C-alpha cells in the first residue's frame, strides 16, 4: 500500500477524456513500472553496489570506508554503514549465496545473481 502511495505521488494524476483529473489505477502503475516489484528492485540494486565495491582495489577510498577503516568523527548522521552492510548480508543469506566472495569477483556471474534477486519473492 505504501509503495503504491509513493508511486502515485511520483507519477502524478491522470487526465480523463472529459478533462477531469484522477489518481492512477493499480493497472496504470504496473504498466509504468513494467510489472517490477520495487522492493526487490531496490534490494537487487543494493547487491549490485555491494559487488561493485568488493571488486574495487584494496586501496580504494570507497572500499576502505565501506570496510570500516575510517575515523569515527567522519561518521555523519543517519543510518550507519554497518547497518547498511548488515542489510546486504541478510539479502545474500536469504538467497543462500554460500561462496559470495568468489562469485562477486566474476562480474557477469554477479550480474546474473542480481537479476535473479529482482524476481525472488522471499528477498
N, C-alpha and C. Protein backbone atom coordinates (compact mmCIF):
# COMPACT_ATOMS: atom_id res chain seq x y z
N UNK A 1 0.82 -1.18 0.00
CA UNK A 1 0.00 0.00 0.00
C UNK A 1 0.88 1.26 0.00
N UNK A 2 1.90 1.27 0.86
CA UNK A 2 2.80 2.41 0.93
C UNK A 2 3.52 2.61 -0.41
N UNK A 3 3.91 1.48 -1.01
CA UNK A 3 4.59 1.53 -2.30
C UNK A 3 3.71 2.19 -3.36
N UNK A 4 2.45 1.81 -3.40
CA UNK A 4 1.52 2.39 -4.38
C UNK A 4 1.30 3.88 -4.12
N UNK A 5 1.23 4.24 -2.85
CA UNK A 5 1.04 5.64 -2.50
C UNK A 5 2.21 6.48 -3.01
N UNK A 6 3.43 5.96 -2.83
CA UNK A 6 4.61 6.67 -3.34
C UNK A 6 4.59 6.76 -4.86
N UNK A 7 4.25 5.66 -5.51
CA UNK A 7 4.21 5.67 -6.97
C UNK A 7 3.19 6.67 -7.49
N UNK A 8 2.05 6.77 -6.81
CA UNK A 8 1.03 7.73 -7.25
C UNK A 8 1.53 9.17 -7.10
N UNK A 9 2.32 9.42 -6.05
CA UNK A 9 2.92 10.75 -5.87
C UNK A 9 3.94 11.03 -6.98
N UNK A 10 4.76 10.02 -7.28
CA UNK A 10 5.83 10.20 -8.27
C UNK A 10 5.25 10.44 -9.67
N UNK A 11 4.29 9.61 -10.06
CA UNK A 11 3.76 9.70 -11.42
C UNK A 11 2.61 10.69 -11.59
N UNK A 12 2.04 11.14 -10.50
CA UNK A 12 1.01 12.16 -10.57
C UNK A 12 -0.34 11.66 -11.07
N UNK A 13 -1.28 12.59 -11.23
CA UNK A 13 -2.64 12.20 -11.64
C UNK A 13 -2.74 11.92 -13.14
N UNK A 14 -3.86 11.35 -13.51
CA UNK A 14 -4.17 11.04 -14.90
C UNK A 14 -5.32 11.92 -15.36
N UNK A 15 -5.19 12.48 -16.54
CA UNK A 15 -6.27 13.29 -17.08
C UNK A 15 -7.22 12.40 -17.86
N UNK A 16 -8.48 12.44 -17.48
CA UNK A 16 -9.51 11.64 -18.17
C UNK A 16 -9.91 12.34 -19.47
N UNK A 17 -10.70 11.68 -20.27
CA UNK A 17 -11.15 12.20 -21.57
C UNK A 17 -11.96 13.49 -21.38
N UNK A 18 -12.75 13.56 -20.32
CA UNK A 18 -13.61 14.73 -20.10
C UNK A 18 -12.88 15.88 -19.40
N UNK A 19 -11.56 15.77 -19.24
CA UNK A 19 -10.79 16.86 -18.65
C UNK A 19 -10.66 16.80 -17.14
N UNK A 20 -11.27 15.83 -16.52
CA UNK A 20 -11.19 15.68 -15.06
C UNK A 20 -9.93 14.87 -14.72
N UNK A 21 -9.25 15.30 -13.66
CA UNK A 21 -8.04 14.62 -13.22
C UNK A 21 -8.36 13.63 -12.12
N UNK A 22 -7.72 12.46 -12.16
CA UNK A 22 -7.95 11.43 -11.14
C UNK A 22 -6.67 10.68 -10.85
N UNK A 23 -6.69 9.88 -9.78
CA UNK A 23 -5.49 9.12 -9.42
C UNK A 23 -5.30 7.96 -10.38
N UNK A 24 -4.06 7.54 -10.52
CA UNK A 24 -3.75 6.42 -11.40
C UNK A 24 -4.23 5.12 -10.76
N UNK A 25 -4.71 4.21 -11.58
CA UNK A 25 -5.14 2.91 -11.09
C UNK A 25 -3.92 2.01 -10.89
N UNK A 26 -4.12 0.92 -10.17
CA UNK A 26 -3.03 -0.04 -9.98
C UNK A 26 -2.53 -0.58 -11.31
N UNK A 27 -3.45 -0.80 -12.25
CA UNK A 27 -3.07 -1.31 -13.56
C UNK A 27 -2.17 -0.31 -14.30
N UNK A 28 -2.51 0.97 -14.24
CA UNK A 28 -1.69 2.00 -14.88
C UNK A 28 -0.30 2.06 -14.24
N UNK A 29 -0.25 1.96 -12.91
CA UNK A 29 1.04 1.98 -12.21
C UNK A 29 1.89 0.78 -12.60
N UNK A 30 1.26 -0.40 -12.69
CA UNK A 30 2.00 -1.61 -13.08
C UNK A 30 2.61 -1.46 -14.47
N UNK A 31 1.85 -0.86 -15.37
CA UNK A 31 2.37 -0.65 -16.72
C UNK A 31 3.54 0.34 -16.72
N UNK A 32 3.46 1.36 -15.88
CA UNK A 32 4.54 2.35 -15.80
C UNK A 32 5.83 1.76 -15.24
N UNK A 33 5.72 0.89 -14.25
CA UNK A 33 6.93 0.32 -13.65
C UNK A 33 7.28 -1.04 -14.26
N UNK A 34 6.58 -1.39 -15.33
CA UNK A 34 6.84 -2.61 -16.10
C UNK A 34 6.73 -3.87 -15.24
N UNK A 35 5.75 -3.88 -14.34
CA UNK A 35 5.40 -5.04 -13.51
C UNK A 35 6.55 -5.50 -12.61
N UNK A 36 7.45 -4.59 -12.22
CA UNK A 36 8.55 -4.94 -11.32
C UNK A 36 8.13 -4.70 -9.88
N UNK A 37 8.67 -5.52 -9.00
CA UNK A 37 8.48 -5.33 -7.57
C UNK A 37 9.54 -4.32 -7.12
N UNK A 38 9.11 -3.16 -6.66
CA UNK A 38 10.02 -2.08 -6.32
C UNK A 38 10.97 -2.47 -5.19
N UNK A 39 10.45 -3.15 -4.18
CA UNK A 39 11.27 -3.53 -3.03
C UNK A 39 12.38 -4.48 -3.46
N UNK A 40 12.05 -5.49 -4.25
CA UNK A 40 13.08 -6.40 -4.74
C UNK A 40 14.07 -5.68 -5.64
N UNK A 41 13.59 -4.73 -6.40
CA UNK A 41 14.47 -3.97 -7.28
C UNK A 41 15.50 -3.18 -6.48
N UNK A 42 15.06 -2.54 -5.41
CA UNK A 42 15.98 -1.76 -4.57
C UNK A 42 16.99 -2.69 -3.89
N UNK A 43 16.53 -3.84 -3.39
CA UNK A 43 17.44 -4.79 -2.75
C UNK A 43 18.45 -5.34 -3.76
N UNK A 44 18.00 -5.58 -4.97
CA UNK A 44 18.91 -6.07 -6.00
C UNK A 44 19.95 -5.01 -6.36
N UNK A 45 19.54 -3.76 -6.43
CA UNK A 45 20.49 -2.69 -6.70
C UNK A 45 21.51 -2.55 -5.57
N UNK A 46 21.07 -2.81 -4.34
CA UNK A 46 21.98 -2.79 -3.19
C UNK A 46 23.01 -3.91 -3.33
N UNK A 47 22.57 -5.09 -3.78
CA UNK A 47 23.51 -6.20 -4.02
C UNK A 47 24.48 -5.84 -5.15
N UNK A 48 23.98 -5.17 -6.16
CA UNK A 48 24.84 -4.75 -7.27
C UNK A 48 25.93 -3.80 -6.78
N UNK A 49 25.55 -2.85 -5.94
CA UNK A 49 26.51 -1.92 -5.36
C UNK A 49 27.54 -2.66 -4.52
N UNK A 50 27.08 -3.64 -3.74
CA UNK A 50 27.96 -4.44 -2.91
C UNK A 50 29.01 -5.15 -3.76
N UNK A 51 28.59 -5.71 -4.88
CA UNK A 51 29.53 -6.36 -5.78
C UNK A 51 30.52 -5.38 -6.36
N UNK A 52 30.04 -4.23 -6.74
CA UNK A 52 30.90 -3.18 -7.31
C UNK A 52 31.99 -2.78 -6.32
N UNK A 53 31.60 -2.56 -5.08
CA UNK A 53 32.57 -2.14 -4.06
C UNK A 53 33.57 -3.25 -3.77
N UNK A 54 33.11 -4.49 -3.73
CA UNK A 54 34.01 -5.60 -3.42
C UNK A 54 35.00 -5.90 -4.53
N UNK A 55 34.70 -5.49 -5.74
CA UNK A 55 35.66 -5.68 -6.84
C UNK A 55 36.69 -4.56 -6.92
N UNK A 56 36.51 -3.51 -6.13
CA UNK A 56 37.45 -2.39 -6.14
C UNK A 56 38.79 -2.82 -5.54
N UNK A 57 39.87 -2.12 -5.91
CA UNK A 57 41.17 -2.41 -5.30
C UNK A 57 41.14 -2.10 -3.80
N UNK A 58 41.97 -2.79 -3.04
CA UNK A 58 42.00 -2.61 -1.58
C UNK A 58 42.36 -1.17 -1.19
N UNK A 59 43.06 -0.46 -2.05
CA UNK A 59 43.49 0.90 -1.73
C UNK A 59 42.42 1.95 -2.03
N UNK A 60 41.30 1.52 -2.57
CA UNK A 60 40.22 2.45 -2.90
C UNK A 60 39.65 3.08 -1.64
N UNK A 61 39.42 4.38 -1.68
CA UNK A 61 38.86 5.10 -0.53
C UNK A 61 37.46 4.58 -0.21
N UNK A 62 36.67 4.30 -1.23
CA UNK A 62 35.31 3.80 -1.02
C UNK A 62 35.35 2.46 -0.31
N UNK A 63 36.24 1.58 -0.74
CA UNK A 63 36.33 0.25 -0.12
C UNK A 63 36.83 0.36 1.32
N UNK A 64 37.80 1.23 1.56
CA UNK A 64 38.29 1.43 2.92
C UNK A 64 37.18 1.93 3.82
N UNK A 65 36.40 2.87 3.34
CA UNK A 65 35.30 3.42 4.13
C UNK A 65 34.22 2.37 4.37
N UNK A 66 33.91 1.58 3.34
CA UNK A 66 32.90 0.53 3.47
C UNK A 66 33.33 -0.53 4.47
N UNK A 67 34.61 -0.86 4.48
CA UNK A 67 35.13 -1.87 5.41
C UNK A 67 35.30 -1.33 6.82
N UNK A 68 35.00 -0.07 7.04
CA UNK A 68 35.07 0.50 8.39
C UNK A 68 36.41 1.09 8.75
N UNK A 69 37.28 1.29 7.78
CA UNK A 69 38.60 1.87 8.04
C UNK A 69 38.56 3.39 7.90
N UNK A 70 37.74 4.03 8.70
CA UNK A 70 37.62 5.48 8.66
C UNK A 70 37.51 6.00 10.09
N UNK A 71 37.74 7.25 10.26
CA UNK A 71 37.65 7.85 11.58
C UNK A 71 36.19 8.01 11.98
N UNK A 72 35.90 7.80 13.27
CA UNK A 72 34.52 7.93 13.75
C UNK A 72 34.00 9.36 13.62
N UNK A 73 34.87 10.34 13.68
CA UNK A 73 34.40 11.72 13.55
C UNK A 73 33.92 12.04 12.14
N UNK A 74 34.30 11.20 11.17
CA UNK A 74 33.80 11.37 9.81
C UNK A 74 32.37 10.87 9.67
N UNK A 75 31.93 10.07 10.63
CA UNK A 75 30.59 9.48 10.56
C UNK A 75 29.53 10.58 10.65
N UNK A 76 28.64 10.59 9.70
CA UNK A 76 27.59 11.59 9.69
C UNK A 76 26.31 11.00 10.27
N UNK A 77 25.33 11.85 10.47
CA UNK A 77 24.06 11.38 11.00
C UNK A 77 23.36 10.50 9.99
N UNK A 78 22.44 9.69 10.48
CA UNK A 78 21.70 8.79 9.61
C UNK A 78 22.09 7.36 9.89
N UNK A 79 21.65 6.47 9.01
CA UNK A 79 21.93 5.05 9.19
C UNK A 79 23.43 4.80 9.04
N UNK A 80 23.97 4.01 9.94
CA UNK A 80 25.40 3.72 9.88
C UNK A 80 25.69 2.79 8.71
N UNK A 81 26.94 2.82 8.28
CA UNK A 81 27.35 1.96 7.18
C UNK A 81 27.27 0.50 7.61
N UNK A 82 27.54 0.22 8.88
CA UNK A 82 27.43 -1.15 9.38
C UNK A 82 26.00 -1.66 9.22
N UNK A 83 25.02 -0.80 9.47
CA UNK A 83 23.62 -1.18 9.29
C UNK A 83 23.30 -1.49 7.85
N UNK A 84 23.85 -0.71 6.92
CA UNK A 84 23.62 -0.95 5.50
C UNK A 84 24.26 -2.27 5.08
N UNK A 85 25.46 -2.53 5.58
CA UNK A 85 26.15 -3.77 5.22
C UNK A 85 25.42 -4.97 5.81
N UNK A 86 24.80 -4.81 6.97
CA UNK A 86 24.03 -5.90 7.56
C UNK A 86 22.83 -6.23 6.67
N UNK A 87 22.20 -5.21 6.09
CA UNK A 87 21.08 -5.45 5.17
C UNK A 87 21.54 -6.24 3.95
N UNK A 88 22.71 -5.90 3.42
CA UNK A 88 23.25 -6.61 2.26
C UNK A 88 23.54 -8.06 2.65
N UNK A 89 24.17 -8.26 3.81
CA UNK A 89 24.47 -9.63 4.26
C UNK A 89 23.19 -10.44 4.42
N UNK A 90 22.15 -9.84 4.98
CA UNK A 90 20.88 -10.55 5.13
C UNK A 90 20.30 -10.93 3.77
N UNK A 91 20.44 -10.05 2.79
CA UNK A 91 19.92 -10.34 1.45
C UNK A 91 20.62 -11.54 0.84
N UNK A 92 21.96 -11.58 0.89
CA UNK A 92 22.60 -12.73 0.25
C UNK A 92 22.49 -13.99 1.07
N UNK A 93 22.19 -13.88 2.37
CA UNK A 93 21.90 -15.09 3.16
C UNK A 93 20.54 -15.66 2.75
N UNK A 94 19.56 -14.78 2.51
CA UNK A 94 18.25 -15.23 2.05
C UNK A 94 18.35 -15.91 0.68
N UNK A 95 19.30 -15.46 -0.12
CA UNK A 95 19.49 -16.04 -1.44
C UNK A 95 20.35 -17.31 -1.38
N UNK A 96 20.81 -17.65 -0.19
CA UNK A 96 21.71 -18.78 0.06
C UNK A 96 22.96 -18.73 -0.82
N UNK A 97 23.58 -17.58 -0.86
CA UNK A 97 24.85 -17.42 -1.56
C UNK A 97 25.95 -17.81 -0.58
N UNK A 98 26.46 -19.02 -0.71
CA UNK A 98 27.44 -19.52 0.24
C UNK A 98 28.84 -19.00 -0.05
N UNK A 99 29.22 -18.98 -1.31
CA UNK A 99 30.57 -18.55 -1.67
C UNK A 99 30.51 -17.22 -2.40
N UNK A 100 29.90 -16.22 -1.77
CA UNK A 100 29.69 -14.94 -2.42
C UNK A 100 31.01 -14.22 -2.70
N UNK A 101 32.03 -14.43 -1.86
CA UNK A 101 33.31 -13.72 -2.05
C UNK A 101 33.95 -14.07 -3.39
N UNK A 102 33.83 -15.34 -3.80
CA UNK A 102 34.37 -15.74 -5.11
C UNK A 102 33.44 -15.31 -6.23
N UNK A 103 32.12 -15.42 -5.99
CA UNK A 103 31.16 -15.09 -7.03
C UNK A 103 31.14 -13.61 -7.35
N UNK A 104 31.39 -12.77 -6.35
CA UNK A 104 31.33 -11.33 -6.56
C UNK A 104 32.47 -10.86 -7.47
N UNK A 105 33.56 -11.60 -7.52
CA UNK A 105 34.70 -11.21 -8.36
C UNK A 105 34.43 -11.42 -9.85
N UNK A 106 33.54 -12.35 -10.17
CA UNK A 106 33.15 -12.57 -11.56
C UNK A 106 31.97 -11.65 -11.87
N UNK A 107 32.25 -10.58 -12.57
CA UNK A 107 31.27 -9.52 -12.81
C UNK A 107 30.00 -10.02 -13.50
N UNK A 108 30.16 -10.85 -14.52
CA UNK A 108 29.00 -11.36 -15.25
C UNK A 108 28.16 -12.30 -14.39
N UNK A 109 28.83 -13.14 -13.61
CA UNK A 109 28.10 -14.05 -12.73
C UNK A 109 27.33 -13.26 -11.67
N UNK A 110 27.98 -12.21 -11.11
CA UNK A 110 27.31 -11.40 -10.10
C UNK A 110 26.12 -10.66 -10.70
N UNK A 111 26.25 -10.23 -11.95
CA UNK A 111 25.14 -9.56 -12.62
C UNK A 111 23.95 -10.51 -12.76
N UNK A 112 24.20 -11.78 -13.06
CA UNK A 112 23.13 -12.77 -13.13
C UNK A 112 22.47 -12.96 -11.77
N UNK A 113 23.27 -12.98 -10.71
CA UNK A 113 22.75 -13.13 -9.35
C UNK A 113 21.85 -11.95 -9.00
N UNK A 114 22.27 -10.74 -9.37
CA UNK A 114 21.48 -9.54 -9.10
C UNK A 114 20.16 -9.61 -9.87
N UNK A 115 20.18 -10.08 -11.11
CA UNK A 115 18.95 -10.19 -11.89
C UNK A 115 18.01 -11.24 -11.28
N UNK A 116 18.56 -12.33 -10.75
CA UNK A 116 17.73 -13.33 -10.08
C UNK A 116 17.08 -12.72 -8.82
N UNK A 117 17.80 -11.87 -8.13
CA UNK A 117 17.29 -11.26 -6.91
C UNK A 117 16.07 -10.39 -7.18
N UNK A 118 16.00 -9.82 -8.36
CA UNK A 118 14.87 -8.96 -8.69
C UNK A 118 13.55 -9.72 -8.77
N UNK A 119 13.62 -11.03 -8.99
CA UNK A 119 12.39 -11.81 -9.13
C UNK A 119 12.13 -12.76 -7.97
N UNK A 120 12.98 -12.76 -6.94
CA UNK A 120 12.77 -13.65 -5.81
C UNK A 120 11.72 -13.10 -4.85
N UNK A 121 10.67 -13.86 -4.57
CA UNK A 121 9.64 -13.35 -3.66
C UNK A 121 10.09 -13.29 -2.22
N UNK A 122 11.05 -14.15 -1.82
CA UNK A 122 11.47 -14.19 -0.42
C UNK A 122 12.52 -13.15 -0.07
N UNK A 123 13.01 -12.41 -1.02
CA UNK A 123 14.06 -11.43 -0.74
C UNK A 123 13.52 -10.22 -0.10
